[in-house]
PDB file of all heavy atoms in Angstrom:
ATOM      1  N   MET A   1       0.824  -1.159   0.014  1.00  0.00           N
ATOM      2  CA  MET A   1       0.007   0.001  -0.002  1.00  0.00           C
ATOM      3  C   MET A   1       0.894   1.232  -0.012  1.00  0.00           C
ATOM      4  O   MET A   1       1.874   1.287   0.707  1.00  0.00           O
ATOM      5  CB  MET A   1      -0.833  -0.046   1.267  1.00  0.00           C
ATOM      6  CG  MET A   1      -2.074   0.729   1.135  1.00  0.00           C
ATOM      7  SD  MET A   1      -3.176   0.351   2.457  1.00  0.00           S
ATOM      8  CE  MET A   1      -4.578   0.528   1.570  1.00  0.00           C
ATOM      9  N   THR A   2       0.537   2.175  -0.784  1.00  0.00           N
ATOM     10  CA  THR A   2       1.350   3.369  -0.877  1.00  0.00           C
ATOM     11  C   THR A   2       0.831   4.425   0.054  1.00  0.00           C
ATOM     12  O   THR A   2      -0.374   4.528   0.312  1.00  0.00           O
ATOM     13  CB  THR A   2       1.318   3.943  -2.318  1.00  0.00           C
ATOM     14  OG1 THR A   2       0.026   4.235  -2.652  1.00  0.00           O
ATOM     15  CG2 THR A   2       1.929   2.938  -3.295  1.00  0.00           C
ATOM     16  N   GLY A   3       1.687   5.196   0.621  1.00  0.00           N
ATOM     17  CA  GLY A   3       1.284   6.270   1.545  1.00  0.00           C
ATOM     18  C   GLY A   3       0.840   7.490   0.781  1.00  0.00           C
ATOM     19  O   GLY A   3       1.183   7.701  -0.401  1.00  0.00           O
ATOM     20  N   LEU A   4       0.102   8.288   1.412  1.00  0.00           N
ATOM     21  CA  LEU A   4      -0.400   9.524   0.793  1.00  0.00           C
ATOM     22  C   LEU A   4       0.666  10.596   0.974  1.00  0.00           C
ATOM     23  O   LEU A   4       1.381  10.620   1.962  1.00  0.00           O
ATOM     24  CB  LEU A   4      -1.712   9.973   1.463  1.00  0.00           C
ATOM     25  CG  LEU A   4      -2.887   8.983   1.326  1.00  0.00           C
ATOM     26  CD1 LEU A   4      -4.022   9.475   2.183  1.00  0.00           C
ATOM     27  CD2 LEU A   4      -3.335   8.843  -0.106  1.00  0.00           C
ATOM     28  N   SER A   5       0.702  11.438   0.014  1.00  0.00           N
ATOM     29  CA  SER A   5       1.695  12.537   0.101  1.00  0.00           C
ATOM     30  C   SER A   5       1.273  13.438   1.232  1.00  0.00           C
ATOM     31  O   SER A   5       0.091  13.548   1.593  1.00  0.00           O
ATOM     32  CB  SER A   5       1.735  13.290  -1.214  1.00  0.00           C
ATOM     33  OG  SER A   5       0.533  13.999  -1.442  1.00  0.00           O
ATOM     34  N   PRO A   6       2.249  14.107   1.858  1.00  0.00           N
ATOM     35  CA  PRO A   6       1.921  14.973   2.971  1.00  0.00           C
ATOM     36  C   PRO A   6       0.954  16.107   2.593  1.00  0.00           C
ATOM     37  O   PRO A   6       0.065  16.481   3.365  1.00  0.00           O
ATOM     38  CB  PRO A   6       3.250  15.561   3.432  1.00  0.00           C
ATOM     39  CG  PRO A   6       4.289  14.662   2.853  1.00  0.00           C
ATOM     40  CD  PRO A   6       3.698  13.968   1.681  1.00  0.00           C
ATOM     41  N   ALA A   7       1.027  16.653   1.429  1.00  0.00           N
ATOM     42  CA  ALA A   7       0.158  17.737   1.002  1.00  0.00           C
ATOM     43  C   ALA A   7      -1.297  17.231   0.852  1.00  0.00           C
ATOM     44  O   ALA A   7      -2.256  17.849   1.260  1.00  0.00           O
ATOM     45  CB  ALA A   7       0.646  18.342  -0.327  1.00  0.00           C
ATOM     46  N   PHE A   8      -1.403  16.021   0.247  1.00  0.00           N
ATOM     47  CA  PHE A   8      -2.733  15.462   0.067  1.00  0.00           C
ATOM     48  C   PHE A   8      -3.342  15.093   1.405  1.00  0.00           C
ATOM     49  O   PHE A   8      -4.521  15.240   1.606  1.00  0.00           O
ATOM     50  CB  PHE A   8      -2.649  14.264  -0.876  1.00  0.00           C
ATOM     51  CG  PHE A   8      -3.989  13.667  -1.194  1.00  0.00           C
ATOM     52  CD1 PHE A   8      -4.893  14.340  -2.015  1.00  0.00           C
ATOM     53  CD2 PHE A   8      -4.403  12.465  -0.628  1.00  0.00           C
ATOM     54  CE1 PHE A   8      -6.129  13.817  -2.306  1.00  0.00           C
ATOM     55  CE2 PHE A   8      -5.657  11.939  -0.884  1.00  0.00           C
ATOM     56  CZ  PHE A   8      -6.509  12.607  -1.741  1.00  0.00           C
ATOM     57  N   SER A   9      -2.506  14.602   2.331  1.00  0.00           N
ATOM     58  CA  SER A   9      -2.986  14.226   3.668  1.00  0.00           C
ATOM     59  C   SER A   9      -3.516  15.484   4.379  1.00  0.00           C
ATOM     60  O   SER A   9      -4.568  15.421   5.078  1.00  0.00           O
ATOM     61  CB  SER A   9      -1.845  13.635   4.505  1.00  0.00           C
ATOM     62  OG  SER A   9      -1.464  12.416   3.946  1.00  0.00           O
ATOM     63  N   ARG A  10      -2.827  16.579   4.205  1.00  0.00           N
ATOM     64  CA  ARG A  10      -3.291  17.807   4.836  1.00  0.00           C
ATOM     65  C   ARG A  10      -4.624  18.289   4.272  1.00  0.00           C
ATOM     66  O   ARG A  10      -5.523  18.684   4.979  1.00  0.00           O
ATOM     67  CB  ARG A  10      -2.248  18.926   4.678  1.00  0.00           C
ATOM     68  CG  ARG A  10      -1.074  18.758   5.551  1.00  0.00           C
ATOM     69  CD  ARG A  10      -0.113  19.937   5.399  1.00  0.00           C
ATOM     70  NE  ARG A  10       1.126  19.611   6.033  1.00  0.00           N
ATOM     71  CZ  ARG A  10       2.301  19.755   5.486  1.00  0.00           C
ATOM     72  NH1 ARG A  10       2.412  20.245   4.265  1.00  0.00           N
ATOM     73  NH2 ARG A  10       3.373  19.401   6.133  1.00  0.00           N
ATOM     74  N   VAL A  11      -4.733  18.205   2.946  1.00  0.00           N
ATOM     75  CA  VAL A  11      -5.979  18.626   2.292  1.00  0.00           C
ATOM     76  C   VAL A  11      -7.132  17.693   2.734  1.00  0.00           C
ATOM     77  O   VAL A  11      -8.232  18.157   3.045  1.00  0.00           O
ATOM     78  CB  VAL A  11      -5.821  18.601   0.736  1.00  0.00           C
ATOM     79  CG1 VAL A  11      -7.149  18.730   0.037  1.00  0.00           C
ATOM     80  CG2 VAL A  11      -4.871  19.670   0.293  1.00  0.00           C
ATOM     81  N   LEU A  12      -6.834  16.388   2.777  1.00  0.00           N
ATOM     82  CA  LEU A  12      -7.831  15.418   3.224  1.00  0.00           C
ATOM     83  C   LEU A  12      -8.231  15.678   4.666  1.00  0.00           C
ATOM     84  O   LEU A  12      -9.414  15.651   5.013  1.00  0.00           O
ATOM     85  CB  LEU A  12      -7.312  13.991   3.042  1.00  0.00           C
ATOM     86  CG  LEU A  12      -8.329  12.875   3.282  1.00  0.00           C
ATOM     87  CD1 LEU A  12      -9.547  13.009   2.366  1.00  0.00           C
ATOM     88  CD2 LEU A  12      -7.650  11.530   3.107  1.00  0.00           C
ATOM     89  N   ALA A  13      -7.264  15.989   5.532  1.00  0.00           N
ATOM     90  CA  ALA A  13      -7.548  16.268   6.938  1.00  0.00           C
ATOM     91  C   ALA A  13      -8.394  17.538   7.043  1.00  0.00           C
ATOM     92  O   ALA A  13      -9.365  17.599   7.856  1.00  0.00           O
ATOM     93  CB  ALA A  13      -6.263  16.387   7.732  1.00  0.00           C
ATOM     94  N   LEU A  14      -8.058  18.570   6.259  1.00  0.00           N
ATOM     95  CA  LEU A  14      -8.836  19.795   6.296  1.00  0.00           C
ATOM     96  C   LEU A  14     -10.254  19.547   5.768  1.00  0.00           C
ATOM     97  O   LEU A  14     -11.239  20.086   6.300  1.00  0.00           O
ATOM     98  CB  LEU A  14      -8.182  20.882   5.471  1.00  0.00           C
ATOM     99  CG  LEU A  14      -6.922  21.506   6.088  1.00  0.00           C
ATOM    100  CD1 LEU A  14      -6.240  22.461   5.145  1.00  0.00           C
ATOM    101  CD2 LEU A  14      -7.247  22.221   7.398  1.00  0.00           C
ATOM    102  N   ALA A  15     -10.399  18.721   4.749  1.00  0.00           N
ATOM    103  CA  ALA A  15     -11.727  18.406   4.193  1.00  0.00           C
ATOM    104  C   ALA A  15     -12.555  17.665   5.221  1.00  0.00           C
ATOM    105  O   ALA A  15     -13.759  17.931   5.416  1.00  0.00           O
ATOM    106  CB  ALA A  15     -11.589  17.580   2.917  1.00  0.00           C
ATOM    107  N   LEU A  16     -11.940  16.717   5.919  1.00  0.00           N
ATOM    108  CA  LEU A  16     -12.646  15.952   6.972  1.00  0.00           C
ATOM    109  C   LEU A  16     -13.028  16.885   8.107  1.00  0.00           C
ATOM    110  O   LEU A  16     -14.144  16.792   8.672  1.00  0.00           O
ATOM    111  CB  LEU A  16     -11.807  14.821   7.495  1.00  0.00           C
ATOM    112  CG  LEU A  16     -11.703  13.597   6.556  1.00  0.00           C
ATOM    113  CD1 LEU A  16     -10.706  12.574   7.098  1.00  0.00           C
ATOM    114  CD2 LEU A  16     -13.053  12.967   6.340  1.00  0.00           C
ATOM    115  N   LEU A  17     -12.105  17.793   8.463  1.00  0.00           N
ATOM    116  CA  LEU A  17     -12.439  18.758   9.527  1.00  0.00           C
ATOM    117  C   LEU A  17     -13.584  19.683   9.104  1.00  0.00           C
ATOM    118  O   LEU A  17     -14.483  19.946   9.884  1.00  0.00           O
ATOM    119  CB  LEU A  17     -11.163  19.594   9.866  1.00  0.00           C
ATOM    120  CG  LEU A  17     -11.323  20.587  10.976  1.00  0.00           C
ATOM    121  CD1 LEU A  17     -11.611  19.869  12.288  1.00  0.00           C
ATOM    122  CD2 LEU A  17     -10.045  21.411  11.126  1.00  0.00           C
ATOM    123  N   GLY A  18     -13.574  20.107   7.840  1.00  0.00           N
ATOM    124  CA  GLY A  18     -14.674  20.944   7.315  1.00  0.00           C
ATOM    125  C   GLY A  18     -15.986  20.167   7.322  1.00  0.00           C
ATOM    126  O   GLY A  18     -17.041  20.704   7.664  1.00  0.00           O
ATOM    127  N   LEU A  19     -15.913  18.868   6.943  1.00  0.00           N
ATOM    128  CA  LEU A  19     -17.125  18.016   6.939  1.00  0.00           C
ATOM    129  C   LEU A  19     -17.684  17.880   8.362  1.00  0.00           C
ATOM    130  O   LEU A  19     -18.899  17.955   8.571  1.00  0.00           O
ATOM    131  CB  LEU A  19     -16.806  16.645   6.345  1.00  0.00           C
ATOM    132  CG  LEU A  19     -17.997  15.693   6.222  1.00  0.00           C
ATOM    133  CD1 LEU A  19     -19.080  16.256   5.322  1.00  0.00           C
ATOM    134  CD2 LEU A  19     -17.495  14.349   5.727  1.00  0.00           C
ATOM    135  N   VAL A  20     -16.804  17.631   9.335  1.00  0.00           N
ATOM    136  CA  VAL A  20     -17.238  17.558  10.723  1.00  0.00           C
ATOM    137  C   VAL A  20     -17.857  18.906  11.171  1.00  0.00           C
ATOM    138  O   VAL A  20     -18.888  18.923  11.863  1.00  0.00           O
ATOM    139  CB  VAL A  20     -16.073  17.150  11.644  1.00  0.00           C
ATOM    140  CG1 VAL A  20     -16.379  17.312  13.119  1.00  0.00           C
ATOM    141  CG2 VAL A  20     -15.645  15.715  11.362  1.00  0.00           C
ATOM    142  N   GLY A  21     -17.244  20.014  10.786  1.00  0.00           N
ATOM    143  CA  GLY A  21     -17.780  21.333  11.122  1.00  0.00           C
ATOM    144  C   GLY A  21     -19.155  21.513  10.529  1.00  0.00           C
ATOM    145  O   GLY A  21     -20.074  22.032  11.169  1.00  0.00           O
ATOM    146  N   LEU A  22     -19.364  21.098   9.243  1.00  0.00           N
ATOM    147  CA  LEU A  22     -20.687  21.204   8.607  1.00  0.00           C
ATOM    148  C   LEU A  22     -21.721  20.353   9.333  1.00  0.00           C
ATOM    149  O   LEU A  22     -22.864  20.758   9.519  1.00  0.00           O
ATOM    150  CB  LEU A  22     -20.599  20.759   7.142  1.00  0.00           C
ATOM    151  CG  LEU A  22     -20.303  21.847   6.129  1.00  0.00           C
ATOM    152  CD1 LEU A  22     -19.966  21.284   4.776  1.00  0.00           C
ATOM    153  CD2 LEU A  22     -21.465  22.806   6.028  1.00  0.00           C
ATOM    154  N   LEU A  23     -21.305  19.135   9.704  1.00  0.00           N
ATOM    155  CA  LEU A  23     -22.220  18.242  10.414  1.00  0.00           C
ATOM    156  C   LEU A  23     -22.598  18.850  11.787  1.00  0.00           C
ATOM    157  O   LEU A  23     -23.778  18.791  12.169  1.00  0.00           O
ATOM    158  CB  LEU A  23     -21.600  16.868  10.614  1.00  0.00           C
ATOM    159  CG  LEU A  23     -21.511  16.013   9.328  1.00  0.00           C
ATOM    160  CD1 LEU A  23     -20.749  14.719   9.627  1.00  0.00           C
ATOM    161  CD2 LEU A  23     -22.867  15.708   8.809  1.00  0.00           C
ATOM    162  N   VAL A  24     -21.659  19.409  12.512  1.00  0.00           N
ATOM    163  CA  VAL A  24     -21.943  20.037  13.766  1.00  0.00           C
ATOM    164  C   VAL A  24     -22.896  21.252  13.567  1.00  0.00           C
ATOM    165  O   VAL A  24     -23.860  21.421  14.291  1.00  0.00           O
ATOM    166  CB  VAL A  24     -20.645  20.485  14.501  1.00  0.00           C
ATOM    167  CG1 VAL A  24     -20.950  21.381  15.681  1.00  0.00           C
ATOM    168  CG2 VAL A  24     -19.867  19.255  14.943  1.00  0.00           C
ATOM    169  N   TYR A  25     -22.615  22.016  12.512  1.00  0.00           N
ATOM    170  CA  TYR A  25     -23.484  23.169  12.209  1.00  0.00           C
ATOM    171  C   TYR A  25     -24.909  22.700  11.877  1.00  0.00           C
ATOM    172  O   TYR A  25     -25.884  23.220  12.389  1.00  0.00           O
ATOM    173  CB  TYR A  25     -22.913  23.989  11.069  1.00  0.00           C
ATOM    174  CG  TYR A  25     -23.760  25.154  10.678  1.00  0.00           C
ATOM    175  CD1 TYR A  25     -23.755  26.337  11.408  1.00  0.00           C
ATOM    176  CD2 TYR A  25     -24.644  25.094   9.594  1.00  0.00           C
ATOM    177  CE1 TYR A  25     -24.527  27.391  11.088  1.00  0.00           C
ATOM    178  CE2 TYR A  25     -25.461  26.143   9.245  1.00  0.00           C
ATOM    179  CZ  TYR A  25     -25.386  27.293   9.973  1.00  0.00           C
ATOM    180  OH  TYR A  25     -26.225  28.383   9.647  1.00  0.00           O
ATOM    181  N   ALA A  26     -25.018  21.671  11.003  1.00  0.00           N
ATOM    182  CA  ALA A  26     -26.302  21.188  10.563  1.00  0.00           C
ATOM    183  C   ALA A  26     -27.074  20.524  11.717  1.00  0.00           C
ATOM    184  O   ALA A  26     -28.277  20.630  11.800  1.00  0.00           O
ATOM    185  CB  ALA A  26     -26.159  20.234   9.395  1.00  0.00           C
ATOM    186  N   ALA A  27     -26.356  19.841  12.595  1.00  0.00           N
ATOM    187  CA  ALA A  27     -27.005  19.086  13.650  1.00  0.00           C
ATOM    188  C   ALA A  27     -27.343  19.948  14.868  1.00  0.00           C
ATOM    189  O   ALA A  27     -28.329  19.700  15.564  1.00  0.00           O
ATOM    190  CB  ALA A  27     -26.177  17.892  14.047  1.00  0.00           C
TER     191      ALA A  27
END
């Protein structure tokens, strides 16, 4: 399995954080 690049990991982490923020806002 190949690891994710650090830049992509950061973008993915920020996207997940944004998704959690949207869910908290919506809920």
